[in-house]
Amino acid sequence: MLIDGDPIAISREDLVIGEPVPWPLFDQDQRLLAKEGTVITSERQVEALLMRGAMRYEVVDRSRPRRKKSVPPPNAPPPQPRVLRDYQELAEALMVSFEQLSLDPESLKQEILGIQSLAERLVTLVNKDRERALVALHLMHEYPYTVIHPVHIAIIAVLMERSLGGDSDKQISIASAALTQNLAMNDLQEELHTQLFPPDEEQRETIQNHPIKTVEMLQAAGVTDELWLKTVLQHHESEDGGGYPLGLQGENILTEARIIALADRYTAMAFERPFRETRGPRAVLQTFYNESQMNKRKLPLLFIQQMGVYPPGLFVRLQNGETGMVVKRVGPNGKPLVVSYLNPRGGAYEPPQLRDGGATPLYSIKGVCAVDPESFELDELWKVVDKRLVEEG
């Protein structure tokens, strides 16, 4: 990202509560304060941005060649990659349920039944194609945080539960818990996602109580699934006893609750969030590995096994200089399969090329890289994957 021109100071009139900011905002050292499109949620957020001297620049990105795209008709919805359509439809249905609950609390029972059906659908999708589920996890970020965050966690939770031998009923229970874990604080969670300052006393009280309040809501809706309810109740407990709301320790915490807590950490640390530095999936996996060695805990190692060292959906540069996306893991050692879409000189491959990291050192991964989303089309990349699957029979 290149920053051109002189800074333009931001005034109070530019920051409208309930509306997205139309530009990226930076401080005087050109550190990002808010992404373009970040929704201003409170007066305190406005004050915090102004106190930090928020300003905007003319921002361009010339780091990647851009593909020519057809101009959509006026008012047309943005095109969505077909490869992620099932997960997008699931996220949109969850968003509708959350909005309906906010507007009409009396619809609780009906909407919870609908969310359970979404959990069943998600379990089917993940079990059908684990690699595509991980691509959805790492590339789908276009929905409100309160919607996409539980979807991300549910994907991880199903993968982990399945790896532990959990049957479809257990997988549906943990997916249902992941999708409903924060029902009692959805509105606050969206605000916390973008605010610059730590939670105040009232917010902290809501945070501390939300597992209990959410369980009460689920029970009021007729949920009797003990695994679902206990997982929601315990998903913020910590093995050292420092969690909430019950201060449980060690083996007193359900494995499913620990899975959701681990997934929550991964998504919070790995993915881009306004006002927070992120480390990227690869660095977070390394952190989990280091912690597992220090604490002798098996769950983080199992998590790494499910993700892979380079998870599908991660963008990488190969030893030969090509740029591509990890799409699959192959062979007994889970070597990454990469679809390269830029050649070593930065030109686009037409069509993209499939590279097997286990076939030659030239196709092995050199490292992760940042990506211009307009330099590739996900469906075009996935056509190469589908072709490989057909050839394999």
Protein backbone atom coordinates (compact mmCIF):
# COMPACT_ATOMS: atom_id res chain seq x y z
CA MET A 1 0.00 0.00 0.00
CA LEU A 2 1.42 3.37 -1.06
CA ILE A 3 0.43 6.65 0.57
CA ASP A 4 0.50 9.66 -1.75
CA GLY A 5 0.12 13.36 -1.12
CA ASP A 6 -0.21 15.44 2.02
CA PRO A 7 -2.30 14.30 4.99
CA ILE A 8 -5.88 15.55 5.28
CA ALA A 9 -7.07 16.10 8.83
CA ILE A 10 -10.29 14.41 9.93
CA SER A 11 -12.94 16.52 11.66
CA ARG A 12 -15.78 15.46 13.93
CA GLU A 13 -18.21 15.98 11.03
CA ASP A 14 -16.38 13.30 9.04
CA LEU A 15 -17.10 10.63 11.68
CA VAL A 16 -20.79 9.81 11.77
CA ILE A 17 -22.02 7.28 14.32
CA GLY A 18 -23.62 4.30 12.61
CA GLU A 19 -21.93 4.96 9.26
CA PRO A 20 -18.69 3.55 7.76
CA VAL A 21 -15.67 5.77 7.27
CA PRO A 22 -15.10 6.23 3.51
CA TRP A 23 -11.29 6.11 3.71
CA PRO A 24 -8.53 4.38 5.67
CA LEU A 25 -7.55 6.51 8.67
CA PHE A 26 -3.96 6.88 9.90
CA ASP A 27 -2.11 8.56 12.73
CA GLN A 28 0.74 11.03 12.20
CA ASP A 29 3.23 8.17 11.82
CA GLN A 30 1.11 6.66 9.04
CA ARG A 31 0.00 3.74 11.21
CA LEU A 32 -3.45 2.44 10.32
CA LEU A 33 -6.14 3.41 12.82
CA ALA A 34 -9.20 2.22 10.92
CA LYS A 35 -9.80 0.40 7.67
CA GLU A 36 -12.01 1.89 4.99
CA GLY A 37 -15.55 0.78 5.75
CA THR A 38 -15.11 0.54 9.53
CA VAL A 39 -18.44 1.48 11.10
CA ILE A 40 -18.33 4.18 13.78
CA THR A 41 -20.33 2.79 16.70
CA SER A 42 -20.09 5.34 19.52
CA GLU A 43 -19.16 8.89 20.51
CA ARG A 44 -16.22 7.52 22.50
CA GLN A 45 -14.85 5.95 19.34
CA VAL A 46 -15.09 9.34 17.61
CA GLU A 47 -13.24 10.99 20.52
CA ALA A 48 -10.53 8.34 20.48
CA LEU A 49 -9.88 8.76 16.75
CA LEU A 50 -9.72 12.55 17.06
CA MET A 51 -7.38 12.32 20.09
CA ARG A 52 -5.01 10.17 18.05
CA GLY A 53 -4.95 12.76 15.27
CA ALA A 54 -6.77 10.69 12.67
CA MET A 55 -6.02 11.75 9.11
CA ARG A 56 -6.45 10.38 5.63
CA TYR A 57 -4.29 10.21 2.52
CA GLU A 58 -4.72 9.33 -1.09
CA VAL A 59 -3.95 5.60 -0.93
CA VAL A 60 -3.04 3.41 -3.89
CA ASP A 61 -1.71 -0.11 -4.21
CA ARG A 62 0.62 -0.83 -7.11
CA SER A 63 2.26 -3.90 -5.62
CA ARG A 64 0.34 -6.33 -7.85
CA PRO A 65 -0.87 -6.27 -11.46
CA ARG A 66 -4.62 -5.90 -11.65
CA ARG A 67 -6.84 -8.07 -13.77
CA LYS A 68 -9.26 -6.36 -16.11
CA LYS A 69 -12.78 -6.77 -14.82
CA SER A 70 -16.09 -6.19 -16.52
CA VAL A 71 -18.09 -3.25 -15.17
CA PRO A 72 -21.25 -4.49 -13.37
CA PRO A 73 -24.59 -2.84 -14.14
CA PRO A 74 -25.73 -0.03 -11.79
CA ASN A 75 -26.95 -1.22 -8.37
CA ALA A 76 -25.87 -4.79 -9.08
CA PRO A 77 -24.77 -6.79 -6.01
CA PRO A 78 -21.02 -7.49 -5.86
CA PRO A 79 -20.08 -10.80 -7.52
CA GLN A 80 -19.44 -13.62 -5.07
CA PRO A 81 -17.03 -16.50 -5.67
CA ARG A 82 -18.98 -19.66 -6.43
CA VAL A 83 -16.49 -21.74 -4.48
CA LEU A 84 -17.60 -20.10 -1.22
CA ARG A 85 -21.28 -19.71 -2.05
CA ASP A 86 -22.53 -22.35 0.39
CA TYR A 87 -20.71 -20.69 3.29
CA GLN A 88 -21.83 -17.23 2.18
CA GLU A 89 -25.45 -18.34 2.12
CA LEU A 90 -25.00 -19.81 5.61
CA ALA A 91 -23.48 -16.56 6.92
CA GLU A 92 -26.29 -14.52 5.35
CA ALA A 93 -28.92 -16.76 6.95
CA LEU A 94 -27.23 -16.41 10.33
CA MET A 95 -27.15 -12.63 9.89
CA VAL A 96 -30.89 -12.61 9.20
CA SER A 97 -31.53 -14.67 12.35
CA PHE A 98 -29.45 -12.32 14.51
CA GLU A 99 -31.19 -9.27 13.05
CA GLN A 100 -34.59 -10.81 13.68
CA LEU A 101 -33.65 -11.61 17.28
CA SER A 102 -32.57 -8.02 17.79
CA LEU A 103 -35.83 -6.68 16.36
CA ASP A 104 -38.17 -9.23 17.90
CA PRO A 105 -36.97 -11.07 21.04
CA GLU A 106 -40.23 -13.05 20.97
CA SER A 107 -38.93 -14.89 17.90
CA LEU A 108 -36.20 -16.55 20.02
CA LYS A 109 -37.47 -20.14 19.80
CA GLN A 110 -38.01 -20.01 16.05
CA GLU A 111 -34.64 -18.42 15.33
CA ILE A 112 -32.73 -20.86 17.57
CA LEU A 113 -34.31 -23.74 15.66
CA GLY A 114 -33.16 -22.07 12.46
CA ILE A 115 -29.62 -21.63 13.79
CA GLN A 116 -29.51 -25.30 14.75
CA SER A 117 -30.43 -26.15 11.16
CA LEU A 118 -27.55 -23.93 10.01
CA ALA A 119 -25.22 -25.87 12.33
CA GLU A 120 -26.37 -29.13 10.73
CA ARG A 121 -25.74 -27.63 7.29
CA LEU A 122 -22.27 -26.47 8.29
CA VAL A 123 -21.35 -29.93 9.59
CA THR A 124 -22.37 -31.41 6.24
CA LEU A 125 -20.28 -28.86 4.33
CA VAL A 126 -17.17 -29.33 6.45
CA ASN A 127 -17.32 -33.11 6.26
CA LYS A 128 -17.86 -33.00 2.50
CA ASP A 129 -14.78 -30.86 1.78
CA ARG A 130 -12.37 -29.99 4.58
CA GLU A 131 -10.06 -27.99 2.31
CA ARG A 132 -12.84 -25.76 1.03
CA ALA A 133 -13.96 -25.19 4.62
CA LEU A 134 -10.47 -23.93 5.50
CA VAL A 135 -10.46 -21.65 2.44
CA ALA A 136 -13.77 -20.20 3.66
CA LEU A 137 -12.25 -19.75 7.12
CA HIS A 138 -9.27 -17.79 5.80
CA LEU A 139 -10.91 -15.80 2.98
CA MET A 140 -14.47 -14.98 4.11
CA HIS A 141 -14.38 -11.70 6.02
CA GLU A 142 -17.00 -9.56 4.27
CA TYR A 143 -19.74 -9.96 6.90
CA PRO A 144 -20.25 -8.19 10.25
CA TYR A 145 -17.92 -9.48 12.94
CA THR A 146 -20.79 -10.84 15.03
CA VAL A 147 -21.79 -13.02 12.08
CA ILE A 148 -18.53 -14.19 10.52
CA HIS A 149 -16.71 -14.75 13.83
CA PRO A 150 -19.05 -17.57 14.99
CA VAL A 151 -19.01 -19.08 11.49
CA HIS A 152 -15.20 -19.18 11.55
CA ILE A 153 -15.20 -20.76 15.00
CA ALA A 154 -17.85 -23.30 14.01
CA ILE A 155 -15.75 -24.44 11.03
CA ILE A 156 -12.73 -25.01 13.29
CA ALA A 157 -14.85 -26.63 15.99
CA VAL A 158 -16.33 -29.21 13.61
CA LEU A 159 -12.90 -30.07 12.21
CA MET A 160 -11.51 -30.52 15.71
CA GLU A 161 -14.49 -32.52 17.04
CA ARG A 162 -14.32 -34.82 14.03
CA SER A 163 -10.58 -35.38 14.53
CA LEU A 164 -11.29 -36.45 18.11
CA GLY A 165 -13.76 -39.08 16.87
CA GLY A 166 -16.90 -37.14 17.69
CA ASP A 167 -19.95 -38.40 15.78
CA SER A 168 -22.30 -36.19 13.77
CA ASP A 169 -24.45 -35.44 16.84
CA LYS A 170 -21.45 -34.11 18.74
CA GLN A 171 -20.34 -32.14 15.72
CA ILE A 172 -23.78 -30.53 15.44
CA SER A 173 -23.75 -29.73 19.17
CA ILE A 174 -20.37 -27.97 19.03
CA ALA A 175 -21.32 -26.15 15.82
CA SER A 176 -24.55 -24.98 17.46
CA ALA A 177 -22.57 -23.79 20.48
CA ALA A 178 -20.11 -21.91 18.26
CA LEU A 179 -22.89 -20.14 16.34
CA THR A 180 -24.79 -19.12 19.50
CA GLN A 181 -21.98 -18.57 22.05
CA ASN A 182 -22.38 -14.78 22.19
CA LEU A 183 -26.13 -14.33 21.70
CA ALA A 184 -26.47 -12.31 24.89
CA MET A 185 -23.86 -9.74 23.81
CA ASN A 186 -24.10 -9.57 20.01
CA ASP A 187 -24.68 -5.81 19.92
CA LEU A 188 -21.86 -5.11 22.37
CA GLN A 189 -19.50 -7.45 20.54
CA GLU A 190 -19.81 -5.46 17.31
CA GLU A 191 -18.98 -2.30 19.26
CA LEU A 192 -16.01 -3.90 21.03
CA HIS A 193 -14.65 -5.11 17.70
CA THR A 194 -13.99 -1.55 16.56
CA GLN A 195 -13.51 0.53 19.69
CA LEU A 196 -10.07 1.94 20.47
CA PHE A 197 -10.20 1.69 24.25
CA PRO A 198 -10.57 -1.12 26.80
CA PRO A 199 -14.09 -2.11 27.91
CA ASP A 200 -15.56 0.10 30.62
CA GLU A 201 -17.11 -1.28 33.81
CA GLU A 202 -20.57 -1.75 32.31
CA GLN A 203 -19.15 -3.50 29.25
CA ARG A 204 -16.97 -5.75 31.40
CA GLU A 205 -20.00 -6.80 33.42
CA THR A 206 -21.88 -7.71 30.23
CA ILE A 207 -18.86 -9.67 29.00
CA GLN A 208 -18.48 -11.57 32.27
CA ASN A 209 -22.18 -12.49 32.39
CA HIS A 210 -22.83 -13.30 28.74
CA PRO A 211 -22.16 -17.08 28.94
CA ILE A 212 -24.79 -17.45 31.68
CA LYS A 213 -27.24 -15.10 29.96
CA THR A 214 -26.80 -16.90 26.66
CA VAL A 215 -27.49 -20.29 28.25
CA GLU A 216 -30.64 -18.84 29.80
CA MET A 217 -31.75 -17.62 26.37
CA LEU A 218 -31.09 -21.04 24.83
CA GLN A 219 -33.00 -22.81 27.59
CA ALA A 220 -35.88 -20.37 27.17
CA ALA A 221 -35.90 -21.32 23.48
CA GLY A 222 -36.26 -24.99 24.41
CA VAL A 223 -32.67 -26.16 23.96
CA THR A 224 -32.01 -29.26 26.11
CA ASP A 225 -28.77 -30.47 24.48
CA GLU A 226 -26.37 -30.60 27.46
CA LEU A 227 -23.23 -30.55 25.33
CA TRP A 228 -24.44 -27.43 23.52
CA LEU A 229 -25.42 -25.67 26.73
CA LYS A 230 -22.30 -26.60 28.73
CA THR A 231 -20.00 -25.66 25.89
CA VAL A 232 -21.56 -22.20 25.70
CA LEU A 233 -21.38 -21.82 29.47
CA GLN A 234 -17.69 -22.78 29.62
CA HIS A 235 -16.26 -21.31 26.40
CA HIS A 236 -14.45 -18.52 28.30
CA GLU A 237 -13.07 -20.71 31.07
CA SER A 238 -9.29 -21.13 31.29
CA GLU A 239 -7.31 -24.18 32.34
CA ASP A 240 -5.43 -22.12 34.94
CA GLY A 241 -8.71 -21.08 36.61
CA GLY A 242 -8.51 -17.49 35.43
CA GLY A 243 -11.50 -17.65 33.10
CA TYR A 244 -15.17 -16.85 33.61
CA PRO A 245 -17.97 -17.11 34.64
CA LEU A 246 -17.26 -20.09 36.97
CA GLY A 247 -13.46 -20.07 37.30
CA LEU A 248 -13.19 -23.74 36.31
CA GLN A 249 -9.79 -25.41 36.02
CA GLY A 250 -8.12 -28.16 34.00
CA GLU A 251 -10.19 -31.24 33.24
CA ASN A 252 -13.29 -29.65 34.75
CA ILE A 253 -13.58 -27.73 31.47
CA LEU A 254 -15.21 -29.58 28.60
CA THR A 255 -12.95 -30.43 25.67
CA GLU A 256 -15.52 -28.78 23.37
CA ALA A 257 -15.32 -25.53 25.36
CA ARG A 258 -11.52 -25.61 25.12
CA ILE A 259 -11.80 -26.15 21.37
CA ILE A 260 -13.96 -23.06 20.98
CA ALA A 261 -11.60 -21.03 23.18
CA LEU A 262 -8.64 -22.10 21.03
CA ALA A 263 -10.53 -21.29 17.82
CA ASP A 264 -11.45 -17.90 19.26
CA ARG A 265 -7.78 -17.14 19.97
CA TYR A 266 -6.74 -18.22 16.49
CA THR A 267 -9.26 -16.04 14.68
CA ALA A 268 -8.60 -13.04 16.95
CA MET A 269 -4.83 -13.24 16.46
CA ALA A 270 -4.70 -14.32 12.80
CA PHE A 271 -7.22 -12.13 11.01
CA GLU A 272 -7.21 -8.42 10.32
CA ARG A 273 -9.23 -6.35 12.75
CA PRO A 274 -9.67 -2.58 13.04
CA PHE A 275 -7.32 -0.93 15.57
CA ARG A 276 -5.53 -4.21 16.35
CA GLU A 277 -2.30 -5.63 15.03
CA THR A 278 -2.65 -9.13 13.62
CA ARG A 279 0.02 -11.77 13.22
CA GLY A 280 -1.32 -13.91 10.41
CA PRO A 281 -2.26 -17.62 10.48
CA ARG A 282 1.26 -18.95 10.07
CA ALA A 283 2.67 -16.96 13.00
CA VAL A 284 -0.26 -17.92 15.24
CA LEU A 285 0.23 -21.60 14.48
CA GLN A 286 3.88 -21.24 15.48
CA THR A 287 2.77 -19.63 18.75
CA PHE A 288 0.41 -22.52 19.43
CA TYR A 289 3.20 -25.00 18.75
CA ASN A 290 5.56 -23.22 21.16
CA GLU A 291 2.87 -23.16 23.85
CA SER A 292 2.13 -26.85 23.39
CA GLN A 293 5.79 -27.68 23.92
CA MET A 294 5.97 -25.56 27.08
CA ASN A 295 2.66 -26.72 28.58
CA LYS A 296 2.58 -30.30 27.23
CA ARG A 297 -0.96 -29.77 25.97
CA LYS A 298 -2.20 -31.91 23.09
CA LEU A 299 -5.09 -29.78 21.86
CA PRO A 300 -2.93 -27.07 20.21
CA LEU A 301 -0.95 -29.77 18.37
CA LEU A 302 -4.17 -31.32 17.14
CA PHE A 303 -5.26 -27.86 16.03
CA ILE A 304 -2.06 -27.47 13.97
CA GLN A 305 -2.60 -30.89 12.40
CA GLN A 306 -6.07 -29.84 11.28
CA MET A 307 -4.91 -26.48 9.90
CA GLY A 308 -1.67 -27.65 8.32
CA VAL A 309 1.57 -25.71 8.56
CA TYR A 310 0.36 -23.65 5.58
CA PRO A 311 -3.47 -23.83 5.76
CA PRO A 312 -5.63 -23.79 2.61
CA GLY A 313 -6.59 -20.20 1.86
CA LEU A 314 -3.13 -18.86 2.73
CA PHE A 315 -1.29 -16.88 0.06
CA VAL A 316 2.33 -17.84 -0.43
CA ARG A 317 5.42 -17.24 -2.54
CA LEU A 318 7.19 -20.28 -3.91
CA GLN A 319 10.94 -20.86 -4.15
CA ASN A 320 10.75 -20.22 -7.91
CA GLY A 321 9.25 -16.76 -7.28
CA GLU A 322 5.63 -17.56 -8.18
CA THR A 323 2.72 -16.30 -6.08
CA GLY A 324 -0.23 -18.56 -5.32
CA MET A 325 -2.78 -19.82 -2.84
CA VAL A 326 -2.59 -23.03 -0.83
CA VAL A 327 -5.62 -25.12 -1.80
CA LYS A 328 -5.01 -28.60 -0.48
CA ARG A 329 -2.62 -30.87 1.41
CA VAL A 330 -1.48 -34.06 -0.30
CA GLY A 331 0.48 -37.18 0.56
CA PRO A 332 1.26 -38.74 3.96
CA ASN A 333 3.14 -35.62 5.10
CA GLY A 334 0.42 -33.19 4.03
CA LYS A 335 2.58 -31.27 1.55
CA PRO A 336 0.80 -28.09 0.40
CA LEU A 337 -0.73 -28.04 -3.06
CA VAL A 338 -0.61 -24.49 -4.44
CA VAL A 339 -2.37 -22.81 -7.36
CA SER A 340 0.07 -20.22 -8.73
CA TYR A 341 -1.57 -17.23 -10.40
CA LEU A 342 1.44 -14.87 -10.74
CA ASN A 343 4.67 -15.85 -12.47
CA PRO A 344 8.08 -14.89 -11.01
CA ARG A 345 7.98 -11.56 -12.90
CA GLY A 346 4.57 -10.65 -11.47
CA GLY A 347 2.56 -11.40 -14.60
CA ALA A 348 -0.71 -13.29 -14.41
CA TYR A 349 -0.87 -16.95 -15.40
CA GLU A 350 -3.72 -17.67 -17.80
CA PRO A 351 -4.87 -20.16 -16.62
CA PRO A 352 -3.42 -20.51 -13.09
CA GLN A 353 -0.97 -23.38 -12.60
CA LEU A 354 -1.16 -26.19 -10.04
CA ARG A 355 2.09 -26.71 -8.10
CA ASP A 356 2.81 -29.73 -5.92
CA GLY A 357 5.24 -28.79 -3.15
CA GLY A 358 6.34 -32.40 -2.82
CA ALA A 359 7.24 -32.79 -6.49
CA THR A 360 10.24 -30.47 -6.70
CA PRO A 361 12.03 -28.00 -4.39
CA LEU A 362 11.19 -25.22 -6.87
CA TYR A 363 7.51 -25.55 -5.92
CA SER A 364 8.09 -25.62 -2.18
CA ILE A 365 6.89 -22.64 -0.16
CA LYS A 366 9.32 -19.84 0.59
CA GLY A 367 6.94 -17.92 2.83
CA VAL A 368 3.56 -16.23 3.17
CA CYS A 369 2.84 -12.98 1.35
CA ALA A 370 0.37 -10.13 1.24
CA VAL A 371 -2.11 -10.14 -1.62
CA ASP A 372 -4.00 -7.63 -3.72
CA PRO A 373 -7.53 -9.12 -3.93
CA GLU A 374 -7.90 -7.79 -7.48
CA SER A 375 -4.90 -9.71 -8.80
CA PHE A 376 -6.76 -13.05 -8.91
CA GLU A 377 -10.23 -14.56 -9.16
CA LEU A 378 -10.93 -17.29 -6.65
CA ASP A 379 -13.23 -19.23 -8.96
CA GLU A 380 -10.53 -19.34 -11.63
CA LEU A 381 -8.08 -20.74 -9.09
CA TRP A 382 -10.57 -23.35 -7.95
CA LYS A 383 -11.25 -24.56 -11.49
CA VAL A 384 -7.69 -25.88 -11.44
CA VAL A 385 -8.42 -27.73 -8.19
CA ASP A 386 -11.65 -29.23 -9.56
CA LYS A 387 -9.81 -30.38 -12.68
CA ARG A 388 -7.21 -32.14 -10.52
CA LEU A 389 -9.96 -33.89 -8.54
CA VAL A 390 -11.62 -35.10 -11.75
CA GLU A 391 -8.31 -36.46 -13.03
CA GLU A 392 -7.77 -38.28 -9.75
CA GLY A 393 -11.21 -39.85 -10.10
